Amino acid sequence: MRTMVVAAIVSSLALPMAASAEAQTRLPRTSPAERTTDDINRRIQQDQRILGVEQDVRSQSNRIRQNIERDRMFANPPPVPLPSRRGACPAGSVGCF
């Protein structure tokens, strides 16, 4: 009988300690408002990443465009073809061969 009383006392002390230890390791549930806030924050971060990539693409495009314009501006003009002797003078003129 004494052993049953001792077992009852020990179990009544041990069970609440085990339950409180388990409760301390579990995280509390997130509320719907917290989930909504997390989703909004995630979308904002994703939008910021996308904007950063778009900005990088725009700056690269502008840099390439400026390089092309500079190359065109400073490039040597194409050589002007020299007129051939035969086609330069009208037929029957004195100075043509």
PDB file of N, CA and C in Angstrom:
ATOM      1  N   MET A   1       0.815  -1.170   0.000  1.00  0.00           N
ATOM      2  CA  MET A   1       0.000   0.000   0.000  1.00  0.00           C
ATOM      3  C   MET A   1       0.878   1.260   0.000  1.00  0.00           C
ATOM      4  N   ARG A   2       1.922   1.200   0.817  1.00  0.00           N
ATOM      5  CA  ARG A   2       2.818   2.337   0.854  1.00  0.00           C
ATOM      6  C   ARG A   2       3.485   2.563  -0.505  1.00  0.00           C
ATOM      7  N   THR A   3       3.820   1.495  -1.170  1.00  0.00           N
ATOM      8  CA  THR A   3       4.465   1.633  -2.478  1.00  0.00           C
ATOM      9  C   THR A   3       3.513   2.277  -3.489  1.00  0.00           C
ATOM     10  N   MET A   4       2.249   1.982  -3.390  1.00  0.00           N
ATOM     11  CA  MET A   4       1.280   2.593  -4.303  1.00  0.00           C
ATOM     12  C   MET A   4       1.156   4.086  -4.023  1.00  0.00           C
ATOM     13  N   VAL A   5       1.186   4.458  -2.777  1.00  0.00           N
ATOM     14  CA  VAL A   5       1.099   5.872  -2.424  1.00  0.00           C
ATOM     15  C   VAL A   5       2.353   6.596  -2.894  1.00  0.00           C
ATOM     16  N   VAL A   6       3.494   5.991  -2.681  1.00  0.00           N
ATOM     17  CA  VAL A   6       4.750   6.590  -3.123  1.00  0.00           C
ATOM     18  C   VAL A   6       4.747   6.706  -4.650  1.00  0.00           C
ATOM     19  N   ALA A   7       4.299   5.675  -5.350  1.00  0.00           N
ATOM     20  CA  ALA A   7       4.243   5.705  -6.813  1.00  0.00           C
ATOM     21  C   ALA A   7       3.291   6.792  -7.290  1.00  0.00           C
ATOM     22  N   ALA A   8       2.177   6.958  -6.623  1.00  0.00           N
ATOM     23  CA  ALA A   8       1.208   7.990  -6.992  1.00  0.00           C
ATOM     24  C   ALA A   8       1.807   9.371  -6.792  1.00  0.00           C
ATOM     25  N   ILE A   9       2.504   9.567  -5.689  1.00  0.00           N
ATOM     26  CA  ILE A   9       3.112  10.874  -5.409  1.00  0.00           C
ATOM     27  C   ILE A   9       4.206  11.172  -6.432  1.00  0.00           C
ATOM     28  N   VAL A  10       5.043  10.189  -6.722  1.00  0.00           N
ATOM     29  CA  VAL A  10       6.131  10.381  -7.684  1.00  0.00           C
ATOM     30  C   VAL A  10       5.566  10.669  -9.070  1.00  0.00           C
ATOM     31  N   SER A  11       4.555   9.925  -9.487  1.00  0.00           N
ATOM     32  CA  SER A  11       3.976  10.154 -10.818  1.00  0.00           C
ATOM     33  C   SER A  11       3.271  11.499 -10.881  1.00  0.00           C
ATOM     34  N   SER A  12       2.646  11.928  -9.791  1.00  0.00           N
ATOM     35  CA  SER A  12       1.982  13.224  -9.822  1.00  0.00           C
ATOM     36  C   SER A  12       2.990  14.370  -9.915  1.00  0.00           C
ATOM     37  N   LEU A  13       4.185  14.158  -9.425  1.00  0.00           N
ATOM     38  CA  LEU A  13       5.227  15.178  -9.535  1.00  0.00           C
ATOM     39  C   LEU A  13       5.959  15.101 -10.883  1.00  0.00           C
ATOM     40  N   ALA A  14       6.139  13.917 -11.393  1.00  0.00           N
ATOM     41  CA  ALA A  14       6.912  13.725 -12.622  1.00  0.00           C
ATOM     42  C   ALA A  14       6.130  14.155 -13.867  1.00  0.00           C
ATOM     43  N   LEU A  15       4.850  13.869 -13.939  1.00  0.00           N
ATOM     44  CA  LEU A  15       4.057  14.192 -15.134  1.00  0.00           C
ATOM     45  C   LEU A  15       3.978  15.691 -15.403  1.00  0.00           C
ATOM     46  N   PRO A  16       3.696  16.534 -14.425  1.00  0.00           N
ATOM     47  CA  PRO A  16       3.681  17.973 -14.734  1.00  0.00           C
ATOM     48  C   PRO A  16       5.047  18.503 -15.158  1.00  0.00           C
ATOM     49  N   MET A  17       6.119  17.967 -14.597  1.00  0.00           N
ATOM     50  CA  MET A  17       7.461  18.410 -14.993  1.00  0.00           C
ATOM     51  C   MET A  17       7.738  18.039 -16.445  1.00  0.00           C
ATOM     52  N   ALA A  18       7.341  16.846 -16.841  1.00  0.00           N
ATOM     53  CA  ALA A  18       7.548  16.403 -18.224  1.00  0.00           C
ATOM     54  C   ALA A  18       6.701  17.234 -19.175  1.00  0.00           C
ATOM     55  N   ALA A  19       5.470  17.532 -18.784  1.00  0.00           N
ATOM     56  CA  ALA A  19       4.591  18.321 -19.641  1.00  0.00           C
ATOM     57  C   ALA A  19       5.112  19.745 -19.791  1.00  0.00           C
ATOM     58  N   SER A  20       5.628  20.332 -18.709  1.00  0.00           N
ATOM     59  CA  SER A  20       6.146  21.700 -18.812  1.00  0.00           C
ATOM     60  C   SER A  20       7.422  21.738 -19.637  1.00  0.00           C
ATOM     61  N   ALA A  21       8.244  20.711 -19.552  1.00  0.00           N
ATOM     62  CA  ALA A  21       9.458  20.649 -20.359  1.00  0.00           C
ATOM     63  C   ALA A  21       9.109  20.536 -21.832  1.00  0.00           C
ATOM     64  N   GLU A  22       8.085  19.752 -22.160  1.00  0.00           N
ATOM     65  CA  GLU A  22       7.655  19.610 -23.551  1.00  0.00           C
ATOM     66  C   GLU A  22       7.053  20.908 -24.059  1.00  0.00           C
ATOM     67  N   ALA A  23       6.287  21.574 -23.238  1.00  0.00           N
ATOM     68  CA  ALA A  23       5.655  22.831 -23.645  1.00  0.00           C
ATOM     69  C   ALA A  23       6.706  23.909 -23.902  1.00  0.00           C
ATOM     70  N   GLN A  24       7.814  23.860 -23.211  1.00  0.00           N
ATOM     71  CA  GLN A  24       8.839  24.873 -23.402  1.00  0.00           C
ATOM     72  C   GLN A  24       9.609  24.669 -24.703  1.00  0.00           C
ATOM     73  N   THR A  25       9.678  23.459 -25.214  1.00  0.00           N
ATOM     74  CA  THR A  25      10.413  23.221 -26.456  1.00  0.00           C
ATOM     75  C   THR A  25       9.548  23.472 -27.677  1.00  0.00           C
ATOM     76  N   ARG A  26       8.236  23.426 -27.555  1.00  0.00           N
ATOM     77  CA  ARG A  26       7.357  23.686 -28.692  1.00  0.00           C
ATOM     78  C   ARG A  26       7.205  25.183 -28.910  1.00  0.00           C
ATOM     79  N   LEU A  27       7.163  25.570 -30.163  1.00  0.00           N
ATOM     80  CA  LEU A  27       6.936  26.972 -30.476  1.00  0.00           C
ATOM     81  C   LEU A  27       5.437  27.243 -30.496  1.00  0.00           C
ATOM     82  N   PRO A  28       5.044  28.438 -30.136  1.00  0.00           N
ATOM     83  CA  PRO A  28       3.613  28.759 -30.204  1.00  0.00           C
ATOM     84  C   PRO A  28       3.163  28.868 -31.657  1.00  0.00           C
ATOM     85  N   ARG A  29       1.906  28.649 -31.884  1.00  0.00           N
ATOM     86  CA  ARG A  29       1.366  28.757 -33.238  1.00  0.00           C
ATOM     87  C   ARG A  29       1.403  30.207 -33.696  1.00  0.00           C
ATOM     88  N   THR A  30       1.559  30.373 -34.996  1.00  0.00           N
ATOM     89  CA  THR A  30       1.509  31.732 -35.521  1.00  0.00           C
ATOM     90  C   THR A  30       0.058  32.086 -35.803  1.00  0.00           C
ATOM     91  N   SER A  31      -0.277  33.305 -35.496  1.00  0.00           N
ATOM     92  CA  SER A  31      -1.651  33.753 -35.695  1.00  0.00           C
ATOM     93  C   SER A  31      -1.865  34.054 -37.180  1.00  0.00           C
ATOM     94  N   PRO A  32      -3.104  34.123 -37.619  1.00  0.00           N
ATOM     95  CA  PRO A  32      -3.367  34.475 -39.021  1.00  0.00           C
ATOM     96  C   PRO A  32      -2.776  35.839 -39.390  1.00  0.00           C
ATOM     97  N   ALA A  33      -2.807  36.767 -38.466  1.00  0.00           N
ATOM     98  CA  ALA A  33      -2.239  38.092 -38.749  1.00  0.00           C
ATOM     99  C   ALA A  33      -0.733  38.001 -38.952  1.00  0.00           C
ATOM    100  N   GLU A  34      -0.063  37.174 -38.148  1.00  0.00           N
ATOM    101  CA  GLU A  34       1.381  37.003 -38.304  1.00  0.00           C
ATOM    102  C   GLU A  34       1.707  36.341 -39.641  1.00  0.00           C
ATOM    103  N   ARG A  35       0.904  35.346 -40.011  1.00  0.00           N
ATOM    104  CA  ARG A  35       1.132  34.683 -41.303  1.00  0.00           C
ATOM    105  C   ARG A  35       0.940  35.661 -42.454  1.00  0.00           C
ATOM    106  N   THR A  36      -0.097  36.491 -42.360  1.00  0.00           N
ATOM    107  CA  THR A  36      -0.347  37.486 -43.403  1.00  0.00           C
ATOM    108  C   THR A  36       0.817  38.468 -43.481  1.00  0.00           C
ATOM    109  N   THR A  37       1.286  38.908 -42.323  1.00  0.00           N
ATOM    110  CA  THR A  37       2.419  39.838 -42.290  1.00  0.00           C
ATOM    111  C   THR A  37       3.663  39.197 -42.893  1.00  0.00           C
ATOM    112  N   ASP A  38       3.908  37.943 -42.556  1.00  0.00           N
ATOM    113  CA  ASP A  38       5.069  37.240 -43.128  1.00  0.00           C
ATOM    114  C   ASP A  38       4.954  37.118 -44.644  1.00  0.00           C
ATOM    115  N   ASP A  39       3.752  36.807 -45.141  1.00  0.00           N
ATOM    116  CA  ASP A  39       3.542  36.704 -46.590  1.00  0.00           C
ATOM    117  C   ASP A  39       3.786  38.047 -47.272  1.00  0.00           C
ATOM    118  N   ILE A  40       3.272  39.111 -46.664  1.00  0.00           N
ATOM    119  CA  ILE A  40       3.462  40.443 -47.243  1.00  0.00           C
ATOM    120  C   ILE A  40       4.939  40.801 -47.268  1.00  0.00           C
ATOM    121  N   ASN A  41       5.630  40.534 -46.179  1.00  0.00           N
ATOM    122  CA  ASN A  41       7.068  40.830 -46.127  1.00  0.00           C
ATOM    123  C   ASN A  41       7.846  40.025 -47.164  1.00  0.00           C
ATOM    124  N   ARG A  42       7.470  38.766 -47.337  1.00  0.00           N
ATOM    125  CA  ARG A  42       8.123  37.918 -48.333  1.00  0.00           C
ATOM    126  C   ARG A  42       7.915  38.478 -49.738  1.00  0.00           C
ATOM    127  N   ARG A  43       6.679  38.913 -50.020  1.00  0.00           N
ATOM    128  CA  ARG A  43       6.394  39.486 -51.348  1.00  0.00           C
ATOM    129  C   ARG A  43       7.166  40.781 -51.572  1.00  0.00           C
ATOM    130  N   ILE A  44       7.252  41.616 -50.537  1.00  0.00           N
ATOM    131  CA  ILE A  44       7.997  42.863 -50.662  1.00  0.00           C
ATOM    132  C   ILE A  44       9.464  42.576 -50.953  1.00  0.00           C
ATOM    133  N   GLN A  45      10.050  41.624 -50.256  1.00  0.00           N
ATOM    134  CA  GLN A  45      11.451  41.268 -50.503  1.00  0.00           C
ATOM    135  C   GLN A  45      11.644  40.731 -51.918  1.00  0.00           C
ATOM    136  N   GLN A  46      10.699  39.928 -52.377  1.00  0.00           N
ATOM    137  CA  GLN A  46      10.797  39.386 -53.731  1.00  0.00           C
ATOM    138  C   GLN A  46      10.685  40.510 -54.755  1.00  0.00           C
ATOM    139  N   ASP A  47       9.761  41.454 -54.536  1.00  0.00           N
ATOM    140  CA  ASP A  47       9.623  42.590 -55.447  1.00  0.00           C
ATOM    141  C   ASP A  47      10.895  43.430 -55.470  1.00  0.00           C
ATOM    142  N   GLN A  48      11.516  43.616 -54.317  1.00  0.00           N
ATOM    143  CA  GLN A  48      12.757  44.379 -54.264  1.00  0.00           C
ATOM    144  C   GLN A  48      13.877  43.674 -55.017  1.00  0.00           C
ATOM    145  N   ARG A  49      13.938  42.350 -54.904  1.00  0.00           N
ATOM    146  CA  ARG A  49      14.945  41.597 -55.665  1.00  0.00           C
ATOM    147  C   ARG A  49      14.709  41.752 -57.160  1.00  0.00           C
ATOM    148  N   ILE A  50      13.445  41.658 -57.578  1.00  0.00           N
ATOM    149  CA  ILE A  50      13.112  41.787 -58.998  1.00  0.00           C
ATOM    150  C   ILE A  50      13.470  43.188 -59.492  1.00  0.00           C
ATOM    151  N   LEU A  51      13.144  44.213 -58.702  1.00  0.00           N
ATOM    152  CA  LEU A  51      13.490  45.582 -59.098  1.00  0.00           C
ATOM    153  C   LEU A  51      14.996  45.751 -59.222  1.00  0.00           C
ATOM    154  N   GLY A  52      15.746  45.147 -58.327  1.00  0.00           N
ATOM    155  CA  GLY A  52      17.201  45.222 -58.410  1.00  0.00           C
ATOM    156  C   GLY A  52      17.729  44.587 -59.683  1.00  0.00           C
ATOM    157  N   VAL A  53      17.185  43.444 -60.051  1.00  0.00           N
ATOM    158  CA  VAL A  53      17.604  42.769 -61.286  1.00  0.00           C
ATOM    159  C   VAL A  53      17.231  43.616 -62.499  1.00  0.00           C
ATOM    160  N   GLU A  54      16.017  44.190 -62.497  1.00  0.00           N
ATOM    161  CA  GLU A  54      15.605  45.036 -63.623  1.00  0.00           C
ATOM    162  C   GLU A  54      16.515  46.250 -63.742  1.00  0.00           C
ATOM    163  N   GLN A  55      16.891  46.822 -62.615  1.00  0.00           N
ATOM    164  CA  GLN A  55      17.780  47.977 -62.628  1.00  0.00           C
ATOM    165  C   GLN A  55      19.150  47.588 -63.187  1.00  0.00           C
ATOM    166  N   ASP A  56      19.648  46.426 -62.814  1.00  0.00           N
ATOM    167  CA  ASP A  56      20.924  45.949 -63.355  1.00  0.00           C
ATOM    168  C   ASP A  56      20.845  45.759 -64.866  1.00  0.00           C
ATOM    169  N   VAL A  57      19.746  45.187 -65.334  1.00  0.00           N
ATOM    170  CA  VAL A  57      19.575  44.960 -66.773  1.00  0.00           C
ATOM    171  C   VAL A  57      19.526  46.296 -67.505  1.00  0.00           C
ATOM    172  N   ARG A  58      18.781  47.268 -66.942  1.00  0.00           N
ATOM    173  CA  ARG A  58      18.700  48.589 -67.567  1.00  0.00           C
ATOM    174  C   ARG A  58      20.062  49.261 -67.641  1.00  0.00           C
ATOM    175  N   SER A  59      20.829  49.197 -66.562  1.00  0.00           N
ATOM    176  CA  SER A  59      22.136  49.854 -66.578  1.00  0.00           C
ATOM    177  C   SER A  59      23.078  49.157 -67.564  1.00  0.00           C
ATOM    178  N   GLN A  60      23.013  47.834 -67.647  1.00  0.00           N
ATOM    179  CA  GLN A  60      23.836  47.102 -68.631  1.00  0.00           C
ATOM    180  C   GLN A  60      23.448  47.501 -70.056  1.00  0.00           C
ATOM    181  N   SER A  61      22.149  47.600 -70.315  1.00  0.00           N
ATOM    182  CA  SER A  61      21.678  47.988 -71.652  1.00  0.00           C
ATOM    183  C   SER A  61      22.163  49.391 -72.006  1.00  0.00           C
ATOM    184  N   ASN A  62      22.050  50.305 -71.051  1.00  0.00           N
ATOM    185  CA  ASN A  62      22.511  51.668 -71.306  1.00  0.00           C
ATOM    186  C   ASN A  62      24.010  51.710 -71.553  1.00  0.00           C
ATOM    187  N   ARG A  63      24.764  50.929 -70.795  1.00  0.00           N
ATOM    188  CA  ARG A  63      26.213  50.893 -70.984  1.00  0.00           C
ATOM    189  C   ARG A  63      26.561  50.352 -72.371  1.00  0.00           C
ATOM    190  N   ILE A  64      25.887  49.306 -72.791  1.00  0.00           N
ATOM    191  CA  ILE A  64      26.140  48.728 -74.129  1.00  0.00           C
ATOM    192  C   ILE A  64      25.759  49.732 -75.212  1.00  0.00           C
ATOM    193  N   ARG A  65      24.609  50.399 -75.034  1.00  0.00           N
ATOM    194  CA  ARG A  65      24.166  51.392 -76.013  1.00  0.00           C
ATOM    195  C   ARG A  65      25.177  52.533 -76.121  1.00  0.00           C
ATOM    196  N   GLN A  66      25.687  53.003 -74.985  1.00  0.00           N
ATOM    197  CA  GLN A  66      26.684  54.074 -75.010  1.00  0.00           C
ATOM    198  C   GLN A  66      27.966  53.615 -75.697  1.00  0.00           C
ATOM    199  N   ASN A  67      28.385  52.391 -75.461  1.00  0.00           N
ATOM    200  CA  ASN A  67      29.581  51.873 -76.130  1.00  0.00           C
ATOM    201  C   ASN A  67      29.391  51.815 -77.638  1.00  0.00           C
ATOM    202  N   ILE A  68      28.221  51.370 -78.064  1.00  0.00           N
ATOM    203  CA  ILE A  68      27.947  51.293 -79.509  1.00  0.00           C
ATOM    204  C   ILE A  68      27.956  52.687 -80.121  1.00  0.00           C
ATOM    205  N   GLU A  69      27.294  53.646 -79.448  1.00  0.00           N
ATOM    206  CA  GLU A  69      27.264  55.017 -79.978  1.00  0.00           C
ATOM    207  C   GLU A  69      28.660  55.616 -80.040  1.00  0.00           C
ATOM    208  N   ARG A  70      29.473  55.375 -79.006  1.00  0.00           N
ATOM    209  CA  ARG A  70      30.839  55.900 -78.998  1.00  0.00           C
ATOM    210  C   ARG A  70      31.654  55.266 -80.122  1.00  0.00           C
ATOM    211  N   ASP A  71      31.490  53.957 -80.337  1.00  0.00           N
ATOM    212  CA  ASP A  71      32.214  53.292 -81.426  1.00  0.00           C
ATOM    213  C   ASP A  71      31.807  53.851 -82.777  1.00  0.00           C
ATOM    214  N   ARG A  72      30.525  54.130 -82.945  1.00  0.00           N
ATOM    215  CA  ARG A  72      30.059  54.701 -84.221  1.00  0.00           C
ATOM    216  C   ARG A  72      30.596  56.110 -84.412  1.00  0.00           C
ATOM    217  N   MET A  73      30.660  56.871 -83.323  1.00  0.00           N
ATOM    218  CA  MET A  73      31.091  58.254 -83.424  1.00  0.00           C
ATOM    219  C   MET A  73      32.568  58.348 -83.806  1.00  0.00           C
ATOM    220  N   PHE A  74      33.392  57.494 -83.240  1.00  0.00           N
ATOM    221  CA  PHE A  74      34.825  57.572 -83.463  1.00  0.00           C
ATOM    222  C   PHE A  74      35.335  56.592 -84.517  1.00  0.00           C
ATOM    223  N   ALA A  75      34.460  55.862 -85.146  1.00  0.00           N
ATOM    224  CA  ALA A  75      34.891  54.910 -86.178  1.00  0.00           C
ATOM    225  C   ALA A  75      35.291  55.674 -87.435  1.00  0.00           C
ATOM    226  N   ASN A  76      36.236  55.112 -88.172  1.00  0.00           N
ATOM    227  CA  ASN A  76      36.649  55.716 -89.436  1.00  0.00           C
ATOM    228  C   ASN A  76      35.504  55.601 -90.434  1.00  0.00           C
ATOM    229  N   PRO A  77      35.263  56.660 -91.188  1.00  0.00           N
ATOM    230  CA  PRO A  77      34.196  56.559 -92.183  1.00  0.00           C
ATOM    231  C   PRO A  77      34.582  55.549 -93.261  1.00  0.00           C
ATOM    232  N   PRO A  78      33.620  54.927 -93.859  1.00  0.00           N
ATOM    233  CA  PRO A  78      33.952  53.946 -94.911  1.00  0.00           C
ATOM    234  C   PRO A  78      34.614  54.657 -96.086  1.00  0.00           C
ATOM    235  N   PRO A  79      35.553  53.991 -96.741  1.00  0.00           N
ATOM    236  CA  PRO A  79      36.243  54.638 -97.869  1.00  0.00           C
ATOM    237  C   PRO A  79      35.272  54.918 -99.017  1.00  0.00           C
ATOM    238  N   VAL A  80      35.470  56.082 -99.610  1.00  0.00           N
ATOM    239  CA  VAL A  80      34.629  56.473-100.744  1.00  0.00           C
ATOM    240  C   VAL A  80      35.191  55.800-101.979  1.00  0.00           C
ATOM    241  N   PRO A  81      34.355  55.081-102.720  1.00  0.00           N
ATOM    242  CA  PRO A  81      34.879  54.411-103.913  1.00  0.00           C
ATOM    243  C   PRO A  81      35.295  55.441-104.964  1.00  0.00           C
ATOM    244  N   LEU A  82      36.441  55.204-105.553  1.00  0.00           N
ATOM    245  CA  LEU A  82      36.931  56.096-106.610  1.00  0.00           C
ATOM    246  C   LEU A  82      36.171  55.790-107.893  1.00  0.00           C
ATOM    247  N   PRO A  83      35.786  56.835-108.596  1.00  0.00           N
ATOM    248  CA  PRO A  83      35.054  56.586-109.859  1.00  0.00           C
ATOM    249  C   PRO A  83      36.005  55.975-110.888  1.00  0.00           C
ATOM    250  N   SER A  84      35.478  55.064-111.619  1.00  0.00           N
ATOM    251  CA  SER A  84      36.310  54.446-112.663  1.00  0.00           C
ATOM    252  C   SER A  84      36.453  55.423-113.818  1.00  0.00           C
ATOM    253  N   ARG A  85      37.538  55.295-114.552  1.00  0.00           N
ATOM    254  CA  ARG A  85      37.814  56.212-115.660  1.00  0.00           C
ATOM    255  C   ARG A  85      36.753  56.104-116.753  1.00  0.00           C
ATOM    256  N   ARG A  86      36.296  54.936-116.960  1.00  0.00           N
ATOM    257  CA  ARG A  86      35.376  54.731-118.080  1.00  0.00           C
ATOM    258  C   ARG A  86      34.018  55.351-117.800  1.00  0.00           C
ATOM    259  N   GLY A  87      33.534  55.238-116.576  1.00  0.00           N
ATOM    260  CA  GLY A  87      32.191  55.734-116.303  1.00  0.00           C
ATOM    261  C   GLY A  87      32.151  57.161-115.858  1.00  0.00           C
ATOM    262  N   ALA A  88      33.322  57.824-115.706  1.00  0.00           N
ATOM    263  CA  ALA A  88      33.342  59.172-115.149  1.00  0.00           C
ATOM    264  C   ALA A  88      32.982  60.223-116.195  1.00  0.00           C
ATOM    265  N   CYS A  89      33.292  60.009-117.421  1.00  0.00           N
ATOM    266  CA  CYS A  89      33.037  61.011-118.455  1.00  0.00           C
ATOM    267  C   CYS A  89      31.913  60.562-119.369  1.00  0.00           C
ATOM    268  N   PRO A  90      31.138  61.503-119.808  1.00  0.00           N
ATOM    269  CA  PRO A  90      30.072  61.120-120.750  1.00  0.00           C
ATOM    270  C   PRO A  90      30.684  60.682-122.097  1.00  0.00           C
ATOM    271  N   ALA A  91      29.959  59.897-122.753  1.00  0.00           N
ATOM    272  CA  ALA A  91      30.444  59.381-124.039  1.00  0.00           C
ATOM    273  C   ALA A  91      30.626  60.542-125.024  1.00  0.00           C
ATOM    274  N   GLY A  92      31.744  60.520-125.719  1.00  0.00           N
ATOM    275  CA  GLY A  92      32.027  61.534-126.735  1.00  0.00           C
ATOM    276  C   GLY A  92      32.751  62.750-126.203  1.00  0.00           C
ATOM    277  N   SER A  93      33.057  62.827-124.937  1.00  0.00           N
ATOM    278  CA  SER A  93      33.758  64.016-124.441  1.00  0.00           C
ATOM    279  C   SER A  93      35.242  63.902-124.768  1.00  0.00           C
ATOM    280  N   VAL A  94      35.927  64.993-124.855  1.00  0.00           N
ATOM    281  CA  VAL A  94      37.311  65.025-125.298  1.00  0.00           C
ATOM    282  C   VAL A  94      38.256  64.517-124.241  1.00  0.00           C
ATOM    283  N   GLY A  95      38.014  64.732-122.935  1.00  0.00           N
ATOM    284  CA  GLY A  95      38.958  64.374-121.891  1.00  0.00           C
ATOM    285  C   GLY A  95      38.904  62.921-121.470  1.00  0.00           C
ATOM    286  N   CYS A  96      38.012  62.113-121.966  1.00  0.00           N
ATOM    287  CA  CYS A  96      37.898  60.726-121.523  1.00  0.00           C
ATOM    288  C   CYS A  96      38.649  59.791-122.439  1.00  0.00           C
ATOM    289  N   PHE A  97      39.103  58.701-121.927  1.00  0.00           N
ATOM    290  CA  PHE A  97      39.855  57.706-122.699  1.00  0.00           C
ATOM    291  C   PHE A  97      38.988  56.574-123.122  1.00  0.00           C
TER     292      PHE A  97
END
